Amino acid sequence: MAIKTNASQSIVTRDLNKLTAPTGNIYEAIVIVSQRAKQIATELKEELSNKLLDFSHSTDTLEEVYENREQIEISRHYERLPKATNIAMEEFLDGRLVYKYPTPPAV
C-alpha cells in the first residue's frame, strides 16, 4: 500500500461543522473515521511485517539477532508516516471515504 497523503503528523484542531457535514452526526463521523483508521493501521502493520520478514532467519536466537542499516531505514520510514487516524480523518474530510449504513434485518 503506497500511502500518498498530506495528513499532518501532529495533532490538528478540527472544525466540528466540517466534520459533521457529511453525516449530520458527530458520533457517526467518528465511527466512520475510526473504522477506516483500523483498516489503515492493519494494512501498514502487514506491509511492515512483510518487509521485515526478509530480514528474519529461522535459526536466530536473541544473541544472534543483529540489525542492519536497511532494516533500520525501513522501520524509520514507517515511524515517520502520519498516524492512521490522521490519514483516515484527512480521507473523510476530503470526501474520499465511501461508507454505507447496514440494512436492518427483516422481521
PDB file of N, CA and C in Angstrom:
ATOM      1  N   MET A   1       0.856  -1.173   0.000  1.00  0.00           N
ATOM      2  CA  MET A   1       0.000   0.000   0.000  1.00  0.00           C
ATOM      3  C   MET A   1       0.894   1.227   0.000  1.00  0.00           C
ATOM      4  N   ALA A   2       0.814   1.991  -1.019  1.00  0.00           N
ATOM      5  CA  ALA A   2       1.575   3.229  -1.087  1.00  0.00           C
ATOM      6  C   ALA A   2       0.691   4.351  -0.560  1.00  0.00           C
ATOM      7  N   ILE A   3       1.125   4.942   0.522  1.00  0.00           N
ATOM      8  CA  ILE A   3       0.316   5.990   1.142  1.00  0.00           C
ATOM      9  C   ILE A   3       0.758   7.332   0.589  1.00  0.00           C
ATOM     10  N   LYS A   4      -0.152   7.955  -0.125  1.00  0.00           N
ATOM     11  CA  LYS A   4       0.067   9.300  -0.633  1.00  0.00           C
ATOM     12  C   LYS A   4      -0.910  10.190   0.116  1.00  0.00           C
ATOM     13  N   THR A   5      -0.410  10.930   1.052  1.00  0.00           N
ATOM     14  CA  THR A   5      -1.295  11.754   1.871  1.00  0.00           C
ATOM     15  C   THR A   5      -0.587  13.032   2.272  1.00  0.00           C
ATOM     16  N   ASN A   6      -1.376  14.024   2.517  1.00  0.00           N
ATOM     17  CA  ASN A   6      -0.843  15.262   3.060  1.00  0.00           C
ATOM     18  C   ASN A   6      -1.309  15.434   4.498  1.00  0.00           C
ATOM     19  N   ALA A   7      -1.638  14.334   5.135  1.00  0.00           N
ATOM     20  CA  ALA A   7      -2.101  14.359   6.520  1.00  0.00           C
ATOM     21  C   ALA A   7      -0.975  14.829   7.435  1.00  0.00           C
ATOM     22  N   SER A   8      -1.353  15.554   8.437  1.00  0.00           N
ATOM     23  CA  SER A   8      -0.398  16.079   9.396  1.00  0.00           C
ATOM     24  C   SER A   8       0.124  14.966  10.307  1.00  0.00           C
ATOM     25  N   GLN A   9       1.364  15.103  10.719  1.00  0.00           N
ATOM     26  CA  GLN A   9       1.947  14.123  11.630  1.00  0.00           C
ATOM     27  C   GLN A   9       1.689  14.480  13.085  1.00  0.00           C
ATOM     28  N   SER A  10       1.122  15.636  13.325  1.00  0.00           N
ATOM     29  CA  SER A  10       0.846  16.038  14.696  1.00  0.00           C
ATOM     30  C   SER A  10      -0.653  16.299  14.866  1.00  0.00           C
ATOM     31  N   ILE A  11      -1.021  16.654  16.053  1.00  0.00           N
ATOM     32  CA  ILE A  11      -2.426  16.905  16.379  1.00  0.00           C
ATOM     33  C   ILE A  11      -2.873  18.207  15.727  1.00  0.00           C
ATOM     34  N   VAL A  12      -4.077  18.164  15.143  1.00  0.00           N
ATOM     35  CA  VAL A  12      -4.637  19.326  14.474  1.00  0.00           C
ATOM     36  C   VAL A  12      -6.031  19.571  15.040  1.00  0.00           C
ATOM     37  N   THR A  13      -6.349  20.818  15.290  1.00  0.00           N
ATOM     38  CA  THR A  13      -7.686  21.174  15.745  1.00  0.00           C
ATOM     39  C   THR A  13      -8.624  21.113  14.546  1.00  0.00           C
ATOM     40  N   ARG A  14      -9.743  20.416  14.701  1.00  0.00           N
ATOM     41  CA  ARG A  14     -10.692  20.227  13.598  1.00  0.00           C
ATOM     42  C   ARG A  14     -11.948  21.051  13.851  1.00  0.00           C
ATOM     43  N   ASP A  15     -12.535  21.541  12.777  1.00  0.00           N
ATOM     44  CA  ASP A  15     -13.803  22.262  12.847  1.00  0.00           C
ATOM     45  C   ASP A  15     -14.923  21.231  12.897  1.00  0.00           C
ATOM     46  N   LEU A  16     -15.687  21.229  13.974  1.00  0.00           N
ATOM     47  CA  LEU A  16     -16.764  20.251  14.137  1.00  0.00           C
ATOM     48  C   LEU A  16     -17.837  20.366  13.058  1.00  0.00           C
ATOM     49  N   ASN A  17     -18.066  21.560  12.557  1.00  0.00           N
ATOM     50  CA  ASN A  17     -19.068  21.724  11.499  1.00  0.00           C
ATOM     51  C   ASN A  17     -18.637  21.001  10.223  1.00  0.00           C
ATOM     52  N   LYS A  18     -17.358  21.080   9.885  1.00  0.00           N
ATOM     53  CA  LYS A  18     -16.852  20.377   8.699  1.00  0.00           C
ATOM     54  C   LYS A  18     -16.877  18.867   8.925  1.00  0.00           C
ATOM     55  N   LEU A  19     -16.604  18.460  10.150  1.00  0.00           N
ATOM     56  CA  LEU A  19     -16.564  17.034  10.470  1.00  0.00           C
ATOM     57  C   LEU A  19     -17.951  16.404  10.435  1.00  0.00           C
ATOM     58  N   THR A  20     -18.956  17.143  10.876  1.00  0.00           N
ATOM     59  CA  THR A  20     -20.312  16.585  10.909  1.00  0.00           C
ATOM     60  C   THR A  20     -21.081  16.809   9.610  1.00  0.00           C
ATOM     61  N   ALA A  21     -20.574  17.606   8.708  1.00  0.00           N
ATOM     62  CA  ALA A  21     -21.300  17.922   7.472  1.00  0.00           C
ATOM     63  C   ALA A  21     -21.672  16.685   6.647  1.00  0.00           C
ATOM     64  N   PRO A  22     -20.763  15.737   6.407  1.00  0.00           N
ATOM     65  CA  PRO A  22     -21.154  14.589   5.563  1.00  0.00           C
ATOM     66  C   PRO A  22     -22.219  13.692   6.186  1.00  0.00           C
ATOM     67  N   THR A  23     -22.226  13.535   7.495  1.00  0.00           N
ATOM     68  CA  THR A  23     -23.155  12.598   8.136  1.00  0.00           C
ATOM     69  C   THR A  23     -24.271  13.289   8.903  1.00  0.00           C
ATOM     70  N   GLY A  24     -24.033  14.489   9.366  1.00  0.00           N
ATOM     71  CA  GLY A  24     -25.013  15.187  10.179  1.00  0.00           C
ATOM     72  C   GLY A  24     -24.940  14.809  11.648  1.00  0.00           C
ATOM     73  N   ASN A  25     -24.024  13.918  11.991  1.00  0.00           N
ATOM     74  CA  ASN A  25     -23.913  13.446  13.364  1.00  0.00           C
ATOM     75  C   ASN A  25     -22.435  13.231  13.688  1.00  0.00           C
ATOM     76  N   ILE A  26     -21.967  13.843  14.753  1.00  0.00           N
ATOM     77  CA  ILE A  26     -20.552  13.743  15.121  1.00  0.00           C
ATOM     78  C   ILE A  26     -20.168  12.310  15.461  1.00  0.00           C
ATOM     79  N   TYR A  27     -21.054  11.583  16.091  1.00  0.00           N
ATOM     80  CA  TYR A  27     -20.745  10.221  16.506  1.00  0.00           C
ATOM     81  C   TYR A  27     -20.608   9.292  15.307  1.00  0.00           C
ATOM     82  N   GLU A  28     -21.469   9.462  14.313  1.00  0.00           N
ATOM     83  CA  GLU A  28     -21.355   8.663  13.101  1.00  0.00           C
ATOM     84  C   GLU A  28     -20.041   8.963  12.383  1.00  0.00           C
ATOM     85  N   ALA A  29     -19.689  10.234  12.331  1.00  0.00           N
ATOM     86  CA  ALA A  29     -18.444  10.625  11.677  1.00  0.00           C
ATOM     87  C   ALA A  29     -17.237   9.999  12.374  1.00  0.00           C
ATOM     88  N   ILE A  30     -17.237  10.015  13.686  1.00  0.00           N
ATOM     89  CA  ILE A  30     -16.122   9.452  14.446  1.00  0.00           C
ATOM     90  C   ILE A  30     -16.032   7.946  14.246  1.00  0.00           C
ATOM     91  N   VAL A  31     -17.167   7.266  14.202  1.00  0.00           N
ATOM     92  CA  VAL A  31     -17.167   5.818  13.981  1.00  0.00           C
ATOM     93  C   VAL A  31     -16.611   5.491  12.594  1.00  0.00           C
ATOM     94  N   ILE A  32     -17.018   6.250  11.597  1.00  0.00           N
ATOM     95  CA  ILE A  32     -16.524   6.024  10.236  1.00  0.00           C
ATOM     96  C   ILE A  32     -15.023   6.229  10.170  1.00  0.00           C
ATOM     97  N   VAL A  33     -14.544   7.305  10.753  1.00  0.00           N
ATOM     98  CA  VAL A  33     -13.106   7.596  10.737  1.00  0.00           C
ATOM     99  C   VAL A  33     -12.337   6.535  11.524  1.00  0.00           C
ATOM    100  N   SER A  34     -12.872   6.114  12.664  1.00  0.00           N
ATOM    101  CA  SER A  34     -12.147   5.129  13.479  1.00  0.00           C
ATOM    102  C   SER A  34     -12.076   3.773  12.782  1.00  0.00           C
ATOM    103  N   GLN A  35     -13.144   3.371  12.094  1.00  0.00           N
ATOM    104  CA  GLN A  35     -13.103   2.094  11.374  1.00  0.00           C
ATOM    105  C   GLN A  35     -12.101   2.146  10.231  1.00  0.00           C
ATOM    106  N   ARG A  36     -12.038   3.269   9.531  1.00  0.00           N
ATOM    107  CA  ARG A  36     -11.054   3.409   8.451  1.00  0.00           C
ATOM    108  C   ARG A  36      -9.639   3.438   9.022  1.00  0.00           C
ATOM    109  N   ALA A  37      -9.451   4.077  10.161  1.00  0.00           N
ATOM    110  CA  ALA A  37      -8.135   4.124  10.799  1.00  0.00           C
ATOM    111  C   ALA A  37      -7.667   2.714  11.175  1.00  0.00           C
ATOM    112  N   LYS A  38      -8.588   1.871  11.638  1.00  0.00           N
ATOM    113  CA  LYS A  38      -8.235   0.483  11.950  1.00  0.00           C
ATOM    114  C   LYS A  38      -7.784  -0.252  10.698  1.00  0.00           C
ATOM    115  N   GLN A  39      -8.485  -0.023   9.582  1.00  0.00           N
ATOM    116  CA  GLN A  39      -8.098  -0.654   8.319  1.00  0.00           C
ATOM    117  C   GLN A  39      -6.703  -0.213   7.887  1.00  0.00           C
ATOM    118  N   ILE A  40      -6.442   1.077   7.959  1.00  0.00           N
ATOM    119  CA  ILE A  40      -5.139   1.614   7.550  1.00  0.00           C
ATOM    120  C   ILE A  40      -4.038   1.056   8.439  1.00  0.00           C
ATOM    121  N   ALA A  41      -4.269   1.048   9.748  1.00  0.00           N
ATOM    122  CA  ALA A  41      -3.257   0.539  10.684  1.00  0.00           C
ATOM    123  C   ALA A  41      -2.948  -0.932  10.416  1.00  0.00           C
ATOM    124  N   THR A  42      -3.972  -1.713  10.131  1.00  0.00           N
ATOM    125  CA  THR A  42      -3.773  -3.133   9.839  1.00  0.00           C
ATOM    126  C   THR A  42      -2.975  -3.312   8.558  1.00  0.00           C
ATOM    127  N   GLU A  43      -3.309  -2.542   7.524  1.00  0.00           N
ATOM    128  CA  GLU A  43      -2.585  -2.624   6.258  1.00  0.00           C
ATOM    129  C   GLU A  43      -1.119  -2.238   6.433  1.00  0.00           C
ATOM    130  N   LEU A  44      -0.874  -1.165   7.179  1.00  0.00           N
ATOM    131  CA  LEU A  44       0.505  -0.726   7.411  1.00  0.00           C
ATOM    132  C   LEU A  44       1.291  -1.761   8.203  1.00  0.00           C
ATOM    133  N   LYS A  45       0.657  -2.352   9.204  1.00  0.00           N
ATOM    134  CA  LYS A  45       1.338  -3.356  10.017  1.00  0.00           C
ATOM    135  C   LYS A  45       1.691  -4.584   9.188  1.00  0.00           C
ATOM    136  N   GLU A  46       0.757  -5.032   8.347  1.00  0.00           N
ATOM    137  CA  GLU A  46       1.029  -6.186   7.493  1.00  0.00           C
ATOM    138  C   GLU A  46       2.144  -5.881   6.502  1.00  0.00           C
ATOM    139  N   GLU A  47       2.116  -4.687   5.923  1.00  0.00           N
ATOM    140  CA  GLU A  47       3.143  -4.293   4.965  1.00  0.00           C
ATOM    141  C   GLU A  47       4.521  -4.247   5.624  1.00  0.00           C
ATOM    142  N   LEU A  48       4.598  -3.653   6.807  1.00  0.00           N
ATOM    143  CA  LEU A  48       5.862  -3.584   7.529  1.00  0.00           C
ATOM    144  C   LEU A  48       6.345  -4.976   7.921  1.00  0.00           C
ATOM    145  N   SER A  49       5.447  -5.816   8.383  1.00  0.00           N
ATOM    146  CA  SER A  49       5.825  -7.178   8.774  1.00  0.00           C
ATOM    147  C   SER A  49       6.367  -7.961   7.591  1.00  0.00           C
ATOM    148  N   ASN A  50       5.732  -7.800   6.431  1.00  0.00           N
ATOM    149  CA  ASN A  50       6.212  -8.498   5.238  1.00  0.00           C
ATOM    150  C   ASN A  50       7.598  -8.023   4.822  1.00  0.00           C
ATOM    151  N   LYS A  51       7.841  -6.729   4.934  1.00  0.00           N
ATOM    152  CA  LYS A  51       9.165  -6.203   4.574  1.00  0.00           C
ATOM    153  C   LYS A  51      10.233  -6.664   5.566  1.00  0.00           C
ATOM    154  N   LEU A  52       9.891  -6.705   6.844  1.00  0.00           N
ATOM    155  CA  LEU A  52      10.878  -7.102   7.851  1.00  0.00           C
ATOM    156  C   LEU A  52      11.061  -8.617   7.902  1.00  0.00           C
ATOM    157  N   LEU A  53      10.119  -9.350   7.325  1.00  0.00           N
ATOM    158  CA  LEU A  53      10.229 -10.805   7.293  1.00  0.00           C
ATOM    159  C   LEU A  53      11.446 -11.250   6.490  1.00  0.00           C
ATOM    160  N   ASP A  54      11.842 -10.448   5.515  1.00  0.00           N
ATOM    161  CA  ASP A  54      13.017 -10.765   4.710  1.00  0.00           C
ATOM    162  C   ASP A  54      14.295 -10.799   5.546  1.00  0.00           C
ATOM    163  N   PHE A  55      14.297 -10.089   6.653  1.00  0.00           N
ATOM    164  CA  PHE A  55      15.499  -9.991   7.477  1.00  0.00           C
ATOM    165  C   PHE A  55      15.566 -11.046   8.572  1.00  0.00           C
ATOM    166  N   SER A  56      14.469 -11.753   8.797  1.00  0.00           N
ATOM    167  CA  SER A  56      14.472 -12.733   9.884  1.00  0.00           C
ATOM    168  C   SER A  56      14.972 -14.080   9.375  1.00  0.00           C
ATOM    169  N   HIS A  57      15.618 -14.788  10.256  1.00  0.00           N
ATOM    170  CA  HIS A  57      16.124 -16.126   9.952  1.00  0.00           C
ATOM    171  C   HIS A  57      15.541 -17.083  10.980  1.00  0.00           C
ATOM    172  N   SER A  58      15.210 -18.268  10.544  1.00  0.00           N
ATOM    173  CA  SER A  58      14.571 -19.215  11.457  1.00  0.00           C
ATOM    174  C   SER A  58      15.522 -19.724  12.533  1.00  0.00           C
ATOM    175  N   THR A  59      16.819 -19.595  12.324  1.00  0.00           N
ATOM    176  CA  THR A  59      17.783 -20.100  13.300  1.00  0.00           C
ATOM    177  C   THR A  59      18.282 -19.016  14.247  1.00  0.00           C
ATOM    178  N   ASP A  60      17.723 -17.832  14.158  1.00  0.00           N
ATOM    179  CA  ASP A  60      18.176 -16.737  15.023  1.00  0.00           C
ATOM    180  C   ASP A  60      17.808 -16.995  16.476  1.00  0.00           C
ATOM    181  N   THR A  61      18.709 -16.655  17.340  1.00  0.00           N
ATOM    182  CA  THR A  61      18.420 -16.604  18.765  1.00  0.00           C
ATOM    183  C   THR A  61      18.592 -15.149  19.192  1.00  0.00           C
ATOM    184  N   LEU A  62      18.286 -14.865  20.416  1.00  0.00           N
ATOM    185  CA  LEU A  62      18.397 -13.479  20.862  1.00  0.00           C
ATOM    186  C   LEU A  62      19.823 -12.958  20.748  1.00  0.00           C
ATOM    187  N   GLU A  63      20.790 -13.811  20.958  1.00  0.00           N
ATOM    188  CA  GLU A  63      22.179 -13.373  20.889  1.00  0.00           C
ATOM    189  C   GLU A  63      22.629 -13.144  19.450  1.00  0.00           C
ATOM    190  N   GLU A  64      21.998 -13.850  18.505  1.00  0.00           N
ATOM    191  CA  GLU A  64      22.444 -13.774  17.123  1.00  0.00           C
ATOM    192  C   GLU A  64      21.707 -12.712  16.309  1.00  0.00           C
ATOM    193  N   VAL A  65      20.681 -12.129  16.880  1.00  0.00           N
ATOM    194  CA  VAL A  65      19.909 -11.136  16.136  1.00  0.00           C
ATOM    195  C   VAL A  65      20.730  -9.856  16.015  1.00  0.00           C
ATOM    196  N   TYR A  66      20.826  -9.358  14.800  1.00  0.00           N
ATOM    197  CA  TYR A  66      21.510  -8.100  14.589  1.00  0.00           C
ATOM    198  C   TYR A  66      20.663  -7.244  13.657  1.00  0.00           C
ATOM    199  N   GLU A  67      20.861  -5.973  13.716  1.00  0.00           N
ATOM    200  CA  GLU A  67      20.102  -5.059  12.880  1.00  0.00           C
ATOM    201  C   GLU A  67      21.025  -4.505  11.807  1.00  0.00           C
ATOM    202  N   ASN A  68      20.560  -4.513  10.593  1.00  0.00           N
ATOM    203  CA  ASN A  68      21.367  -3.899   9.555  1.00  0.00           C
ATOM    204  C   ASN A  68      20.761  -2.559   9.166  1.00  0.00           C
ATOM    205  N   ARG A  69      21.488  -1.809   8.399  1.00  0.00           N
ATOM    206  CA  ARG A  69      21.096  -0.439   8.059  1.00  0.00           C
ATOM    207  C   ARG A  69      19.777  -0.398   7.283  1.00  0.00           C
ATOM    208  N   GLU A  70      19.576  -1.319   6.353  1.00  0.00           N
ATOM    209  CA  GLU A  70      18.354  -1.319   5.552  1.00  0.00           C
ATOM    210  C   GLU A  70      17.123  -1.573   6.429  1.00  0.00           C
ATOM    211  N   GLN A  71      17.244  -2.488   7.374  1.00  0.00           N
ATOM    212  CA  GLN A  71      16.138  -2.795   8.285  1.00  0.00           C
ATOM    213  C   GLN A  71      15.797  -1.565   9.136  1.00  0.00           C
ATOM    214  N   ILE A  72      16.806  -0.872   9.589  1.00  0.00           N
ATOM    215  CA  ILE A  72      16.587   0.327  10.397  1.00  0.00           C
ATOM    216  C   ILE A  72      15.909   1.415   9.570  1.00  0.00           C
ATOM    217  N   GLU A  73      16.321   1.579   8.320  1.00  0.00           N
ATOM    218  CA  GLU A  73      15.718   2.597   7.462  1.00  0.00           C
ATOM    219  C   GLU A  73      14.252   2.285   7.162  1.00  0.00           C
ATOM    220  N   ILE A  74      13.931   1.023   6.954  1.00  0.00           N
ATOM    221  CA  ILE A  74      12.533   0.637   6.722  1.00  0.00           C
ATOM    222  C   ILE A  74      11.691   0.968   7.953  1.00  0.00           C
ATOM    223  N   SER A  75      12.198   0.628   9.121  1.00  0.00           N
ATOM    224  CA  SER A  75      11.468   0.913  10.362  1.00  0.00           C
ATOM    225  C   SER A  75      11.284   2.412  10.564  1.00  0.00           C
ATOM    226  N   ARG A  76      12.311   3.178  10.294  1.00  0.00           N
ATOM    227  CA  ARG A  76      12.219   4.634  10.457  1.00  0.00           C
ATOM    228  C   ARG A  76      11.219   5.245   9.482  1.00  0.00           C
ATOM    229  N   HIS A  77      11.181   4.696   8.266  1.00  0.00           N
ATOM    230  CA  HIS A  77      10.215   5.201   7.281  1.00  0.00           C
ATOM    231  C   HIS A  77       8.788   5.049   7.812  1.00  0.00           C
ATOM    232  N   TYR A  78       8.474   3.904   8.373  1.00  0.00           N
ATOM    233  CA  TYR A  78       7.123   3.673   8.890  1.00  0.00           C
ATOM    234  C   TYR A  78       6.855   4.491  10.148  1.00  0.00           C
ATOM    235  N   GLU A  79       7.880   4.792  10.920  1.00  0.00           N
ATOM    236  CA  GLU A  79       7.693   5.633  12.097  1.00  0.00           C
ATOM    237  C   GLU A  79       7.387   7.076  11.705  1.00  0.00           C
ATOM    238  N   ARG A  80       7.913   7.521  10.562  1.00  0.00           N
ATOM    239  CA  ARG A  80       7.710   8.902  10.120  1.00  0.00           C
ATOM    240  C   ARG A  80       6.357   9.124   9.452  1.00  0.00           C
ATOM    241  N   LEU A  81       5.679   8.073   9.070  1.00  0.00           N
ATOM    242  CA  LEU A  81       4.378   8.214   8.427  1.00  0.00           C
ATOM    243  C   LEU A  81       3.374   8.830   9.405  1.00  0.00           C
ATOM    244  N   PRO A  82       2.396   9.562   8.872  1.00  0.00           N
ATOM    245  CA  PRO A  82       1.346  10.084   9.759  1.00  0.00           C
ATOM    246  C   PRO A  82       0.588   8.931  10.412  1.00  0.00           C
ATOM    247  N   LYS A  83       0.008   9.181  11.534  1.00  0.00           N
ATOM    248  CA  LYS A  83      -0.776   8.164  12.240  1.00  0.00           C
ATOM    249  C   LYS A  83      -2.000   7.792  11.406  1.00  0.00           C
ATOM    250  N   ALA A  84      -2.467   6.575  11.599  1.00  0.00           N
ATOM    251  CA  ALA A  84      -3.603   6.072  10.830  1.00  0.00           C
ATOM    252  C   ALA A  84      -4.844   6.944  11.039  1.00  0.00           C
ATOM    253  N   THR A  85      -5.032   7.458  12.237  1.00  0.00           N
ATOM    254  CA  THR A  85      -6.202   8.309  12.491  1.00  0.00           C
ATOM    255  C   THR A  85      -6.122   9.612  11.707  1.00  0.00           C
ATOM    256  N   ASN A  86      -4.935  10.170  11.572  1.00  0.00           N
ATOM    257  CA  ASN A  86      -4.782  11.405  10.793  1.00  0.00           C
ATOM    258  C   ASN A  86      -5.051  11.156   9.316  1.00  0.00           C
ATOM    259  N   ILE A  87      -4.578  10.027   8.803  1.00  0.00           N
ATOM    260  CA  ILE A  87      -4.816   9.686   7.403  1.00  0.00           C
ATOM    261  C   ILE A  87      -6.315   9.480   7.163  1.00  0.00           C
ATOM    262  N   ALA A  88      -6.958   8.734   8.058  1.00  0.00           N
ATOM    263  CA  ALA A  88      -8.390   8.466   7.919  1.00  0.00           C
ATOM    264  C   ALA A  88      -9.201   9.760   8.012  1.00  0.00           C
ATOM    265  N   MET A  89      -8.839  10.638   8.917  1.00  0.00           N
ATOM    266  CA  MET A  89      -9.555  11.908   9.064  1.00  0.00           C
ATOM    267  C   MET A  89      -9.410  12.750   7.798  1.00  0.00           C
ATOM    268  N   GLU A  90      -8.220  12.773   7.238  1.00  0.00           N
ATOM    269  CA  GLU A  90      -7.986  13.529   6.013  1.00  0.00           C
ATOM    270  C   GLU A  90      -8.803  12.954   4.850  1.00  0.00           C
ATOM    271  N   GLU A  91      -8.858  11.626   4.748  1.00  0.00           N
ATOM    272  CA  GLU A  91      -9.668  10.983   3.713  1.00  0.00           C
ATOM    273  C   GLU A  91     -11.147  11.330   3.894  1.00  0.00           C
ATOM    274  N   PHE A  92     -11.607  11.312   5.122  1.00  0.00           N
ATOM    275  CA  PHE A  92     -13.017  11.611   5.409  1.00  0.00           C
ATOM    276  C   PHE A  92     -13.355  13.050   5.038  1.00  0.00           C
ATOM    277  N   LEU A  93     -12.523  13.984   5.448  1.00  0.00           N
ATOM    278  CA  LEU A  93     -12.799  15.393   5.186  1.00  0.00           C
ATOM    279  C   LEU A  93     -12.668  15.741   3.706  1.00  0.00           C
ATOM    280  N   ASP A  94     -11.840  14.998   2.968  1.00  0.00           N
ATOM    281  CA  ASP A  94     -11.690  15.222   1.529  1.00  0.00           C
ATOM    282  C   ASP A  94     -12.776  14.524   0.717  1.00  0.00           C
ATOM    283  N   GLY A  95     -13.610  13.725   1.375  1.00  0.00           N
ATOM    284  CA  GLY A  95     -14.685  13.026   0.683  1.00  0.00           C
ATOM    285  C   GLY A  95     -14.225  11.786  -0.068  1.00  0.00           C
ATOM    286  N   ARG A  96     -13.084  11.232   0.318  1.00  0.00           N
ATOM    287  CA  ARG A  96     -12.554  10.046  -0.353  1.00  0.00           C
ATOM    288  C   ARG A  96     -13.006   8.748   0.292  1.00  0.00           C
ATOM    289  N   LEU A  97     -13.738   8.824   1.397  1.00  0.00           N
ATOM    290  CA  LEU A  97     -14.230   7.612   2.051  1.00  0.00           C
ATOM    291  C   LEU A  97     -15.635   7.291   1.570  1.00  0.00           C
ATOM    292  N   VAL A  98     -15.844   6.023   1.266  1.00  0.00           N
ATOM    293  CA  VAL A  98     -17.174   5.556   0.892  1.00  0.00           C
ATOM    294  C   VAL A  98     -17.688   4.727   2.061  1.00  0.00           C
ATOM    295  N   TYR A  99     -18.848   5.070   2.559  1.00  0.00           N
ATOM    296  CA  TYR A  99     -19.419   4.336   3.680  1.00  0.00           C
ATOM    297  C   TYR A  99     -20.896   4.126   3.412  1.00  0.00           C
ATOM    298  N   LYS A 100     -21.427   3.095   3.971  1.00  0.00           N
ATOM    299  CA  LYS A 100     -22.858   2.832   3.828  1.00  0.00           C
ATOM    300  C   LYS A 100     -23.372   2.294   5.146  1.00  0.00           C
ATOM    301  N   TYR A 101     -24.638   2.476   5.357  1.00  0.00           N
ATOM    302  CA  TYR A 101     -25.266   2.018   6.578  1.00  0.00           C
ATOM    303  C   TYR A 101     -25.784   0.595   6.366  1.00  0.00           C
ATOM    304  N   PRO A 102     -25.653  -0.259   7.357  1.00  0.00           N
ATOM    305  CA  PRO A 102     -26.160  -1.619   7.198  1.00  0.00           C
ATOM    306  C   PRO A 102     -27.693  -1.625   7.108  1.00  0.00           C
ATOM    307  N   THR A 103     -28.188  -2.544   6.335  1.00  0.00           N
ATOM    308  CA  THR A 103     -29.643  -2.650   6.217  1.00  0.00           C
ATOM    309  C   THR A 103     -30.185  -3.359   7.443  1.00  0.00           C
ATOM    310  N   PRO A 104     -31.283  -2.891   7.977  1.00  0.00           N
ATOM    311  CA  PRO A 104     -31.842  -3.548   9.159  1.00  0.00           C
ATOM    312  C   PRO A 104     -32.340  -4.955   8.796  1.00  0.00           C
ATOM    313  N   PRO A 105     -32.248  -5.891   9.711  1.00  0.00           N
ATOM    314  CA  PRO A 105     -32.699  -7.246   9.415  1.00  0.00           C
ATOM    315  C   PRO A 105     -34.223  -7.285   9.211  1.00  0.00           C
ATOM    316  N   ALA A 106     -34.637  -8.150   8.299  1.00  0.00           N
ATOM    317  CA  ALA A 106     -36.072  -8.291   8.042  1.00  0.00           C
ATOM    318  C   ALA A 106     -36.733  -9.011   9.218  1.00  0.00           C
ATOM    319  N   VAL A 107     -37.884  -8.511   9.598  1.00  0.00           N
ATOM    320  CA  VAL A 107     -38.585  -9.094  10.735  1.00  0.00           C
ATOM    321  C   VAL A 107     -39.571 -10.123  10.288  1.00  0.00           C
TER     322      VAL A 107
END
